[in-house]
């Protein structure tokens, strides 16, 4: 579990991002398998046992579905990342999302392309022009440069 916790603090690095994603998938699979196979003998009441199993299955399947929607495209970006075959876009942001406690990413929309960025840009910087290097499938920003 140590790589999972370490990767949480370095999501600006693509390899840590993939490690984080892989651990979410594995954790979801383990919880789902636990829900199907464990007898949970600590609980004598069969209703409590069934409730724990159902909750484990729901959480496990939820994590797997979350992985599929959020992280699966990141694994398609491994070849472009290794080849340094990044997409490049230059322009002013049309939209800069706010950062909240539920997200470590800021969504930046430049020329109608929505990018996931760990580089924090103030929401008032709509007039500044940026050059973004990003991966083609996940739209993960590798490098963001402010152009004056």
N, C-alpha and C. Protein backbone atom coordinates (compact mmCIF):
# COMPACT_ATOMS: atom_id res chain seq x y z
N UNK A 1 0.81 -1.20 0.00
CA UNK A 1 0.00 0.00 0.00
C UNK A 1 0.86 1.27 0.00
N UNK A 2 2.14 1.15 0.34
CA UNK A 2 3.00 2.33 0.39
C UNK A 2 3.08 3.05 -0.96
N UNK A 3 3.22 2.34 -2.09
CA UNK A 3 3.25 3.06 -3.37
C UNK A 3 1.96 3.84 -3.63
N UNK A 4 0.82 3.32 -3.17
CA UNK A 4 -0.45 4.02 -3.35
C UNK A 4 -0.43 5.35 -2.60
N UNK A 5 -0.02 5.33 -1.34
CA UNK A 5 0.00 6.56 -0.55
C UNK A 5 1.04 7.54 -1.06
N UNK A 6 2.19 7.05 -1.48
CA UNK A 6 3.21 7.93 -2.03
C UNK A 6 2.73 8.56 -3.33
N UNK A 7 2.08 7.76 -4.18
CA UNK A 7 1.62 8.27 -5.48
C UNK A 7 0.55 9.34 -5.32
N UNK A 8 -0.19 9.33 -4.23
CA UNK A 8 -1.22 10.34 -4.02
C UNK A 8 -0.65 11.75 -3.95
N UNK A 9 0.60 11.87 -3.52
CA UNK A 9 1.20 13.19 -3.34
C UNK A 9 2.00 13.65 -4.56
N UNK A 10 2.16 12.79 -5.55
CA UNK A 10 2.96 13.13 -6.72
C UNK A 10 2.19 12.88 -8.02
N UNK A 11 0.93 13.27 -8.06
CA UNK A 11 0.11 13.01 -9.24
C UNK A 11 0.51 13.88 -10.43
N UNK A 12 1.45 14.81 -10.23
CA UNK A 12 1.94 15.57 -11.37
C UNK A 12 2.95 14.78 -12.20
N UNK A 13 3.35 13.62 -11.71
CA UNK A 13 4.22 12.73 -12.46
C UNK A 13 3.36 11.62 -13.07
N UNK A 14 3.48 11.37 -14.35
CA UNK A 14 2.62 10.42 -15.05
C UNK A 14 2.71 9.01 -14.48
N UNK A 15 3.92 8.57 -14.09
CA UNK A 15 4.07 7.21 -13.56
C UNK A 15 3.37 7.06 -12.21
N UNK A 16 3.41 8.09 -11.38
CA UNK A 16 2.68 8.04 -10.11
C UNK A 16 1.17 8.04 -10.36
N UNK A 17 0.75 8.78 -11.38
CA UNK A 17 -0.66 8.81 -11.77
C UNK A 17 -1.11 7.41 -12.16
N UNK A 18 -0.32 6.68 -12.94
CA UNK A 18 -0.66 5.31 -13.32
C UNK A 18 -0.64 4.36 -12.12
N UNK A 19 0.32 4.54 -11.22
CA UNK A 19 0.38 3.71 -10.01
C UNK A 19 -0.87 3.91 -9.17
N UNK A 20 -1.26 5.15 -9.00
CA UNK A 20 -2.48 5.48 -8.26
C UNK A 20 -3.69 4.81 -8.90
N UNK A 21 -3.78 4.89 -10.23
CA UNK A 21 -4.90 4.29 -10.95
C UNK A 21 -4.91 2.77 -10.80
N UNK A 22 -3.76 2.16 -10.91
CA UNK A 22 -3.67 0.70 -10.80
C UNK A 22 -4.08 0.23 -9.40
N UNK A 23 -3.68 0.95 -8.37
CA UNK A 23 -4.07 0.57 -7.02
C UNK A 23 -5.57 0.72 -6.80
N UNK A 24 -6.19 1.71 -7.40
CA UNK A 24 -7.65 1.84 -7.28
C UNK A 24 -8.32 0.64 -7.93
N UNK A 25 -7.84 0.23 -9.10
CA UNK A 25 -8.40 -0.95 -9.76
C UNK A 25 -8.20 -2.21 -8.91
N UNK A 26 -6.99 -2.43 -8.43
CA UNK A 26 -6.71 -3.61 -7.62
C UNK A 26 -7.52 -3.62 -6.32
N UNK A 27 -7.63 -2.48 -5.68
CA UNK A 27 -8.41 -2.38 -4.45
C UNK A 27 -9.88 -2.71 -4.72
N UNK A 28 -10.42 -2.21 -5.82
CA UNK A 28 -11.80 -2.53 -6.19
C UNK A 28 -11.99 -4.01 -6.45
N UNK A 29 -11.04 -4.63 -7.16
CA UNK A 29 -11.14 -6.06 -7.44
C UNK A 29 -11.05 -6.89 -6.16
N UNK A 30 -10.14 -6.54 -5.26
CA UNK A 30 -9.98 -7.28 -4.00
C UNK A 30 -11.25 -7.17 -3.15
N UNK A 31 -11.81 -5.98 -3.05
CA UNK A 31 -13.03 -5.81 -2.25
C UNK A 31 -14.19 -6.58 -2.88
N UNK A 32 -14.29 -6.58 -4.20
CA UNK A 32 -15.35 -7.33 -4.88
C UNK A 32 -15.20 -8.83 -4.63
N UNK A 33 -13.99 -9.34 -4.78
CA UNK A 33 -13.74 -10.77 -4.53
C UNK A 33 -14.03 -11.11 -3.07
N UNK A 34 -13.63 -10.22 -2.16
CA UNK A 34 -13.92 -10.42 -0.75
C UNK A 34 -15.43 -10.52 -0.51
N UNK A 35 -16.18 -9.65 -1.17
CA UNK A 35 -17.63 -9.67 -1.01
C UNK A 35 -18.27 -10.96 -1.50
N UNK A 36 -17.73 -11.54 -2.54
CA UNK A 36 -18.28 -12.78 -3.08
C UNK A 36 -17.81 -14.03 -2.33
N UNK A 37 -16.58 -14.03 -1.83
CA UNK A 37 -16.01 -15.27 -1.30
C UNK A 37 -15.93 -15.35 0.22
N UNK A 38 -15.88 -14.24 0.90
CA UNK A 38 -15.70 -14.27 2.35
C UNK A 38 -16.97 -14.71 3.06
N UNK A 39 -16.79 -15.48 4.10
CA UNK A 39 -17.94 -15.93 4.88
C UNK A 39 -18.22 -14.99 6.05
N UNK A 40 -17.28 -14.12 6.36
CA UNK A 40 -17.41 -13.13 7.42
C UNK A 40 -17.99 -13.78 8.68
N UNK A 41 -17.24 -14.68 9.26
CA UNK A 41 -17.71 -15.45 10.40
C UNK A 41 -17.73 -14.68 11.71
N UNK A 42 -17.20 -13.45 11.70
CA UNK A 42 -17.24 -12.64 12.92
C UNK A 42 -18.68 -12.30 13.30
N UNK A 43 -19.51 -12.15 12.30
CA UNK A 43 -20.90 -11.77 12.54
C UNK A 43 -21.77 -13.03 12.58
N UNK A 44 -22.44 -13.23 13.70
CA UNK A 44 -23.29 -14.41 13.83
C UNK A 44 -24.64 -14.20 13.15
N UNK A 45 -25.08 -12.96 13.10
CA UNK A 45 -26.37 -12.64 12.50
C UNK A 45 -26.25 -12.72 10.98
N UNK A 46 -27.03 -13.57 10.32
CA UNK A 46 -26.93 -13.70 8.86
C UNK A 46 -27.31 -12.42 8.10
N UNK A 47 -28.17 -11.60 8.69
CA UNK A 47 -28.54 -10.34 8.03
C UNK A 47 -27.34 -9.40 7.99
N UNK A 48 -26.61 -9.32 9.10
CA UNK A 48 -25.40 -8.49 9.12
C UNK A 48 -24.36 -9.00 8.13
N UNK A 49 -24.20 -10.31 8.07
CA UNK A 49 -23.25 -10.91 7.12
C UNK A 49 -23.62 -10.55 5.68
N UNK A 50 -24.89 -10.70 5.36
CA UNK A 50 -25.34 -10.40 4.00
C UNK A 50 -25.18 -8.91 3.69
N UNK A 51 -25.46 -8.06 4.67
CA UNK A 51 -25.31 -6.61 4.48
C UNK A 51 -23.86 -6.25 4.18
N UNK A 52 -22.92 -6.80 4.96
CA UNK A 52 -21.48 -6.53 4.75
C UNK A 52 -21.05 -7.01 3.37
N UNK A 53 -21.52 -8.17 2.97
CA UNK A 53 -21.14 -8.69 1.65
C UNK A 53 -21.67 -7.80 0.53
N UNK A 54 -22.93 -7.37 0.64
CA UNK A 54 -23.52 -6.52 -0.39
C UNK A 54 -22.79 -5.18 -0.46
N UNK A 55 -22.50 -4.58 0.69
CA UNK A 55 -21.79 -3.30 0.71
C UNK A 55 -20.39 -3.46 0.09
N UNK A 56 -19.68 -4.55 0.42
CA UNK A 56 -18.35 -4.78 -0.15
C UNK A 56 -18.42 -4.92 -1.67
N UNK A 57 -19.40 -5.64 -2.15
CA UNK A 57 -19.55 -5.82 -3.61
C UNK A 57 -19.86 -4.49 -4.28
N UNK A 58 -20.74 -3.69 -3.68
CA UNK A 58 -21.10 -2.40 -4.27
C UNK A 58 -19.89 -1.47 -4.30
N UNK A 59 -19.13 -1.41 -3.21
CA UNK A 59 -17.94 -0.55 -3.17
C UNK A 59 -16.89 -1.03 -4.17
N UNK A 60 -16.66 -2.33 -4.22
CA UNK A 60 -15.67 -2.88 -5.15
C UNK A 60 -16.02 -2.63 -6.60
N UNK A 61 -17.25 -2.89 -6.96
CA UNK A 61 -17.69 -2.65 -8.34
C UNK A 61 -17.66 -1.15 -8.64
N UNK A 62 -18.01 -0.33 -7.66
CA UNK A 62 -17.95 1.12 -7.85
C UNK A 62 -16.54 1.60 -8.14
N UNK A 63 -15.57 1.06 -7.43
CA UNK A 63 -14.17 1.44 -7.68
C UNK A 63 -13.70 0.99 -9.07
N UNK A 64 -14.12 -0.18 -9.49
CA UNK A 64 -13.75 -0.67 -10.82
C UNK A 64 -14.39 0.22 -11.90
N UNK A 65 -15.64 0.59 -11.71
CA UNK A 65 -16.32 1.47 -12.67
C UNK A 65 -15.66 2.85 -12.67
N UNK A 66 -15.30 3.36 -11.50
CA UNK A 66 -14.60 4.64 -11.40
C UNK A 66 -13.29 4.59 -12.17
N UNK A 67 -12.54 3.50 -12.01
CA UNK A 67 -11.30 3.32 -12.76
C UNK A 67 -11.56 3.35 -14.25
N UNK A 68 -12.60 2.63 -14.68
CA UNK A 68 -12.90 2.54 -16.11
C UNK A 68 -13.19 3.91 -16.72
N UNK A 69 -13.91 4.74 -15.99
CA UNK A 69 -14.27 6.05 -16.53
C UNK A 69 -13.16 7.08 -16.42
N UNK A 70 -12.40 7.05 -15.33
CA UNK A 70 -11.43 8.11 -15.09
C UNK A 70 -10.02 7.75 -15.56
N UNK A 71 -9.58 6.53 -15.32
CA UNK A 71 -8.17 6.20 -15.50
C UNK A 71 -7.85 5.30 -16.69
N UNK A 72 -8.82 4.62 -17.27
CA UNK A 72 -8.49 3.63 -18.30
C UNK A 72 -7.80 4.25 -19.51
N UNK A 73 -8.16 5.46 -19.88
CA UNK A 73 -7.51 6.09 -21.04
C UNK A 73 -6.05 6.42 -20.76
N UNK A 74 -5.69 6.51 -19.49
CA UNK A 74 -4.29 6.80 -19.14
C UNK A 74 -3.35 5.69 -19.58
N UNK A 75 -3.82 4.45 -19.54
CA UNK A 75 -2.97 3.33 -19.94
C UNK A 75 -2.75 3.31 -21.45
N UNK A 76 -3.65 3.90 -22.21
CA UNK A 76 -3.44 4.03 -23.66
C UNK A 76 -2.36 5.07 -23.97
N UNK A 77 -2.09 5.93 -22.99
CA UNK A 77 -1.10 7.00 -23.18
C UNK A 77 0.32 6.58 -22.84
N UNK A 78 0.54 5.34 -22.44
CA UNK A 78 1.90 4.91 -22.11
C UNK A 78 2.83 4.98 -23.33
N UNK A 79 2.45 4.45 -24.51
CA UNK A 79 3.35 4.58 -25.67
C UNK A 79 3.65 6.02 -26.06
N UNK A 80 2.64 6.93 -26.14
CA UNK A 80 3.00 8.32 -26.46
C UNK A 80 3.89 8.96 -25.39
N UNK A 81 3.69 8.58 -24.13
CA UNK A 81 4.51 9.14 -23.07
C UNK A 81 5.96 8.67 -23.20
N UNK A 82 6.15 7.39 -23.47
CA UNK A 82 7.52 6.86 -23.61
C UNK A 82 8.22 7.43 -24.84
N UNK A 83 7.46 7.65 -25.93
CA UNK A 83 8.03 8.21 -27.15
C UNK A 83 8.14 9.73 -27.11
N UNK A 84 7.63 10.33 -26.02
CA UNK A 84 7.54 11.80 -25.91
C UNK A 84 6.77 12.39 -27.08
N UNK A 85 5.74 11.67 -27.48
CA UNK A 85 4.89 12.09 -28.59
C UNK A 85 3.67 12.81 -28.01
N UNK A 86 3.89 14.02 -27.47
CA UNK A 86 2.83 14.78 -26.84
C UNK A 86 2.09 15.62 -27.87
N UNK A 87 0.84 15.87 -27.59
CA UNK A 87 0.07 16.84 -28.36
C UNK A 87 0.40 18.22 -27.78
N UNK A 88 0.37 19.24 -28.63
CA UNK A 88 0.67 20.60 -28.18
C UNK A 88 -0.48 21.50 -28.60
N UNK A 89 -0.87 22.36 -27.67
CA UNK A 89 -1.91 23.33 -27.98
C UNK A 89 -1.48 24.68 -27.41
N UNK A 90 -1.73 25.72 -28.18
CA UNK A 90 -1.40 27.08 -27.76
C UNK A 90 -2.66 27.91 -27.83
N UNK A 91 -2.92 28.66 -26.77
CA UNK A 91 -4.10 29.53 -26.77
C UNK A 91 -4.44 30.04 -25.40
N UNK A 92 -5.49 30.86 -25.37
CA UNK A 92 -6.02 31.37 -24.12
C UNK A 92 -7.10 30.42 -23.61
N UNK A 93 -7.15 30.20 -22.31
CA UNK A 93 -8.17 29.30 -21.77
C UNK A 93 -9.57 29.87 -21.95
N UNK A 94 -10.48 29.03 -22.42
CA UNK A 94 -11.89 29.41 -22.50
C UNK A 94 -12.55 29.20 -21.14
N UNK A 95 -12.02 28.23 -20.38
CA UNK A 95 -12.58 27.89 -19.09
C UNK A 95 -11.46 27.41 -18.18
N UNK A 96 -11.47 27.88 -16.95
CA UNK A 96 -10.56 27.39 -15.92
C UNK A 96 -11.42 27.01 -14.73
N UNK A 97 -11.43 25.73 -14.39
CA UNK A 97 -12.27 25.29 -13.27
C UNK A 97 -11.62 25.64 -11.95
N UNK A 98 -12.43 25.66 -10.92
CA UNK A 98 -11.89 25.91 -9.59
C UNK A 98 -11.43 24.59 -8.98
N UNK A 99 -10.51 24.69 -8.06
CA UNK A 99 -10.03 23.51 -7.35
C UNK A 99 -10.85 23.36 -6.09
N UNK A 100 -11.35 22.15 -5.85
CA UNK A 100 -12.08 21.89 -4.62
C UNK A 100 -11.45 20.70 -3.91
N UNK A 101 -11.97 20.37 -2.77
CA UNK A 101 -11.36 19.30 -1.96
C UNK A 101 -11.54 17.92 -2.58
N UNK A 102 -12.45 17.75 -3.53
CA UNK A 102 -12.68 16.44 -4.12
C UNK A 102 -11.79 16.16 -5.32
N UNK A 103 -11.07 17.14 -5.81
CA UNK A 103 -10.28 16.94 -7.02
C UNK A 103 -8.88 17.50 -6.85
N UNK A 104 -7.91 16.81 -7.40
CA UNK A 104 -6.54 17.31 -7.40
C UNK A 104 -6.21 17.93 -8.76
N UNK A 105 -7.15 17.86 -9.68
CA UNK A 105 -6.93 18.38 -11.02
C UNK A 105 -7.77 19.62 -11.26
N UNK A 106 -7.25 20.44 -12.12
CA UNK A 106 -7.98 21.60 -12.58
C UNK A 106 -8.27 21.38 -14.06
N UNK A 107 -9.50 21.57 -14.45
CA UNK A 107 -9.86 21.43 -15.85
C UNK A 107 -9.63 22.76 -16.54
N UNK A 108 -8.87 22.69 -17.62
CA UNK A 108 -8.57 23.88 -18.42
C UNK A 108 -9.05 23.59 -19.84
N UNK A 109 -9.84 24.47 -20.37
CA UNK A 109 -10.32 24.28 -21.73
C UNK A 109 -9.66 25.32 -22.63
N UNK A 110 -8.88 24.84 -23.58
CA UNK A 110 -8.20 25.71 -24.54
C UNK A 110 -8.61 25.26 -25.93
N UNK A 111 -9.13 26.18 -26.73
CA UNK A 111 -9.58 25.90 -28.10
C UNK A 111 -10.53 24.69 -28.13
N UNK A 112 -11.47 24.64 -27.21
CA UNK A 112 -12.49 23.59 -27.11
C UNK A 112 -11.92 22.20 -26.80
N UNK A 113 -10.73 22.14 -26.24
CA UNK A 113 -10.14 20.88 -25.79
C UNK A 113 -10.01 20.97 -24.28
N UNK A 114 -10.65 20.06 -23.58
CA UNK A 114 -10.64 20.04 -22.13
C UNK A 114 -9.46 19.22 -21.63
N UNK A 115 -8.59 19.84 -20.84
CA UNK A 115 -7.37 19.20 -20.36
C UNK A 115 -7.41 19.04 -18.84
N UNK A 116 -6.77 17.95 -18.34
CA UNK A 116 -6.61 17.72 -16.90
C UNK A 116 -5.24 18.23 -16.51
N UNK A 117 -5.21 19.21 -15.63
CA UNK A 117 -3.94 19.82 -15.26
C UNK A 117 -3.72 19.78 -13.76
N UNK A 118 -2.51 19.44 -13.35
CA UNK A 118 -2.13 19.54 -11.95
C UNK A 118 -1.44 20.88 -11.70
N UNK A 119 -1.20 21.64 -12.75
CA UNK A 119 -0.62 22.96 -12.63
C UNK A 119 -1.77 23.93 -12.33
N UNK A 120 -1.72 24.56 -11.20
CA UNK A 120 -2.81 25.41 -10.75
C UNK A 120 -2.70 26.78 -11.42
N UNK A 121 -3.78 27.17 -12.08
CA UNK A 121 -3.86 28.47 -12.72
C UNK A 121 -4.99 29.24 -12.04
N UNK A 122 -4.74 30.48 -11.62
CA UNK A 122 -5.84 31.27 -11.05
C UNK A 122 -6.98 31.43 -12.06
N UNK A 123 -8.20 31.40 -11.57
CA UNK A 123 -9.37 31.48 -12.46
C UNK A 123 -9.44 32.82 -13.19
N UNK A 124 -8.72 33.81 -12.71
CA UNK A 124 -8.74 35.13 -13.35
C UNK A 124 -7.77 35.23 -14.52
N UNK A 125 -7.01 34.20 -14.83
CA UNK A 125 -6.00 34.24 -15.90
C UNK A 125 -6.57 33.86 -17.27
N UNK A 126 -7.76 34.29 -17.58
CA UNK A 126 -8.35 33.96 -18.88
C UNK A 126 -7.70 34.73 -20.03
N UNK A 127 -6.98 35.79 -19.74
CA UNK A 127 -6.36 36.60 -20.79
C UNK A 127 -4.91 36.18 -21.08
N UNK A 128 -4.37 35.31 -20.26
CA UNK A 128 -3.00 34.85 -20.45
C UNK A 128 -2.99 33.69 -21.44
N UNK A 129 -2.00 33.69 -22.33
CA UNK A 129 -1.88 32.63 -23.31
C UNK A 129 -0.95 31.54 -22.78
N UNK A 130 -1.32 30.28 -23.02
CA UNK A 130 -0.55 29.14 -22.53
C UNK A 130 -0.19 28.20 -23.66
N UNK A 131 0.90 27.49 -23.45
CA UNK A 131 1.30 26.40 -24.34
C UNK A 131 1.26 25.14 -23.49
N UNK A 132 0.41 24.19 -23.87
CA UNK A 132 0.23 22.97 -23.07
C UNK A 132 0.68 21.76 -23.87
N UNK A 133 1.50 20.93 -23.25
CA UNK A 133 1.89 19.63 -23.79
C UNK A 133 1.06 18.60 -23.04
N UNK A 134 0.28 17.81 -23.76
CA UNK A 134 -0.61 16.86 -23.10
C UNK A 134 -0.64 15.53 -23.84
N UNK A 135 -1.09 14.50 -23.14
CA UNK A 135 -1.19 13.16 -23.73
C UNK A 135 -2.50 13.04 -24.49
N UNK A 136 -2.49 12.36 -25.62
CA UNK A 136 -3.65 12.40 -26.53
C UNK A 136 -4.93 11.73 -26.00
N UNK A 137 -4.84 10.65 -25.25
CA UNK A 137 -6.04 9.93 -24.85
C UNK A 137 -6.65 10.46 -23.56
N UNK A 138 -5.83 10.65 -22.55
CA UNK A 138 -6.36 11.08 -21.24
C UNK A 138 -6.42 12.59 -21.10
N UNK A 139 -5.79 13.31 -21.99
CA UNK A 139 -5.70 14.77 -21.93
C UNK A 139 -4.98 15.25 -20.67
N UNK A 140 -4.07 14.43 -20.17
CA UNK A 140 -3.26 14.73 -18.99
C UNK A 140 -2.16 15.71 -19.39
N UNK A 141 -2.08 16.86 -18.74
CA UNK A 141 -1.09 17.88 -19.09
C UNK A 141 0.26 17.48 -18.51
N UNK A 142 1.24 17.32 -19.39
CA UNK A 142 2.61 17.01 -18.99
C UNK A 142 3.36 18.28 -18.61
N UNK A 143 3.16 19.31 -19.39
CA UNK A 143 3.89 20.56 -19.18
C UNK A 143 2.99 21.71 -19.60
N UNK A 144 2.99 22.78 -18.79
CA UNK A 144 2.18 23.96 -19.08
C UNK A 144 3.08 25.18 -18.97
N UNK A 145 3.16 25.93 -20.06
CA UNK A 145 4.06 27.09 -20.11
C UNK A 145 3.21 28.33 -20.36
N UNK A 146 3.46 29.36 -19.56
CA UNK A 146 2.78 30.64 -19.77
C UNK A 146 3.54 31.43 -20.80
N UNK A 147 2.83 31.90 -21.83
CA UNK A 147 3.46 32.67 -22.90
C UNK A 147 3.10 34.14 -22.68
N UNK A 148 4.11 34.98 -22.61
CA UNK A 148 3.86 36.41 -22.39
C UNK A 148 3.70 37.16 -23.67
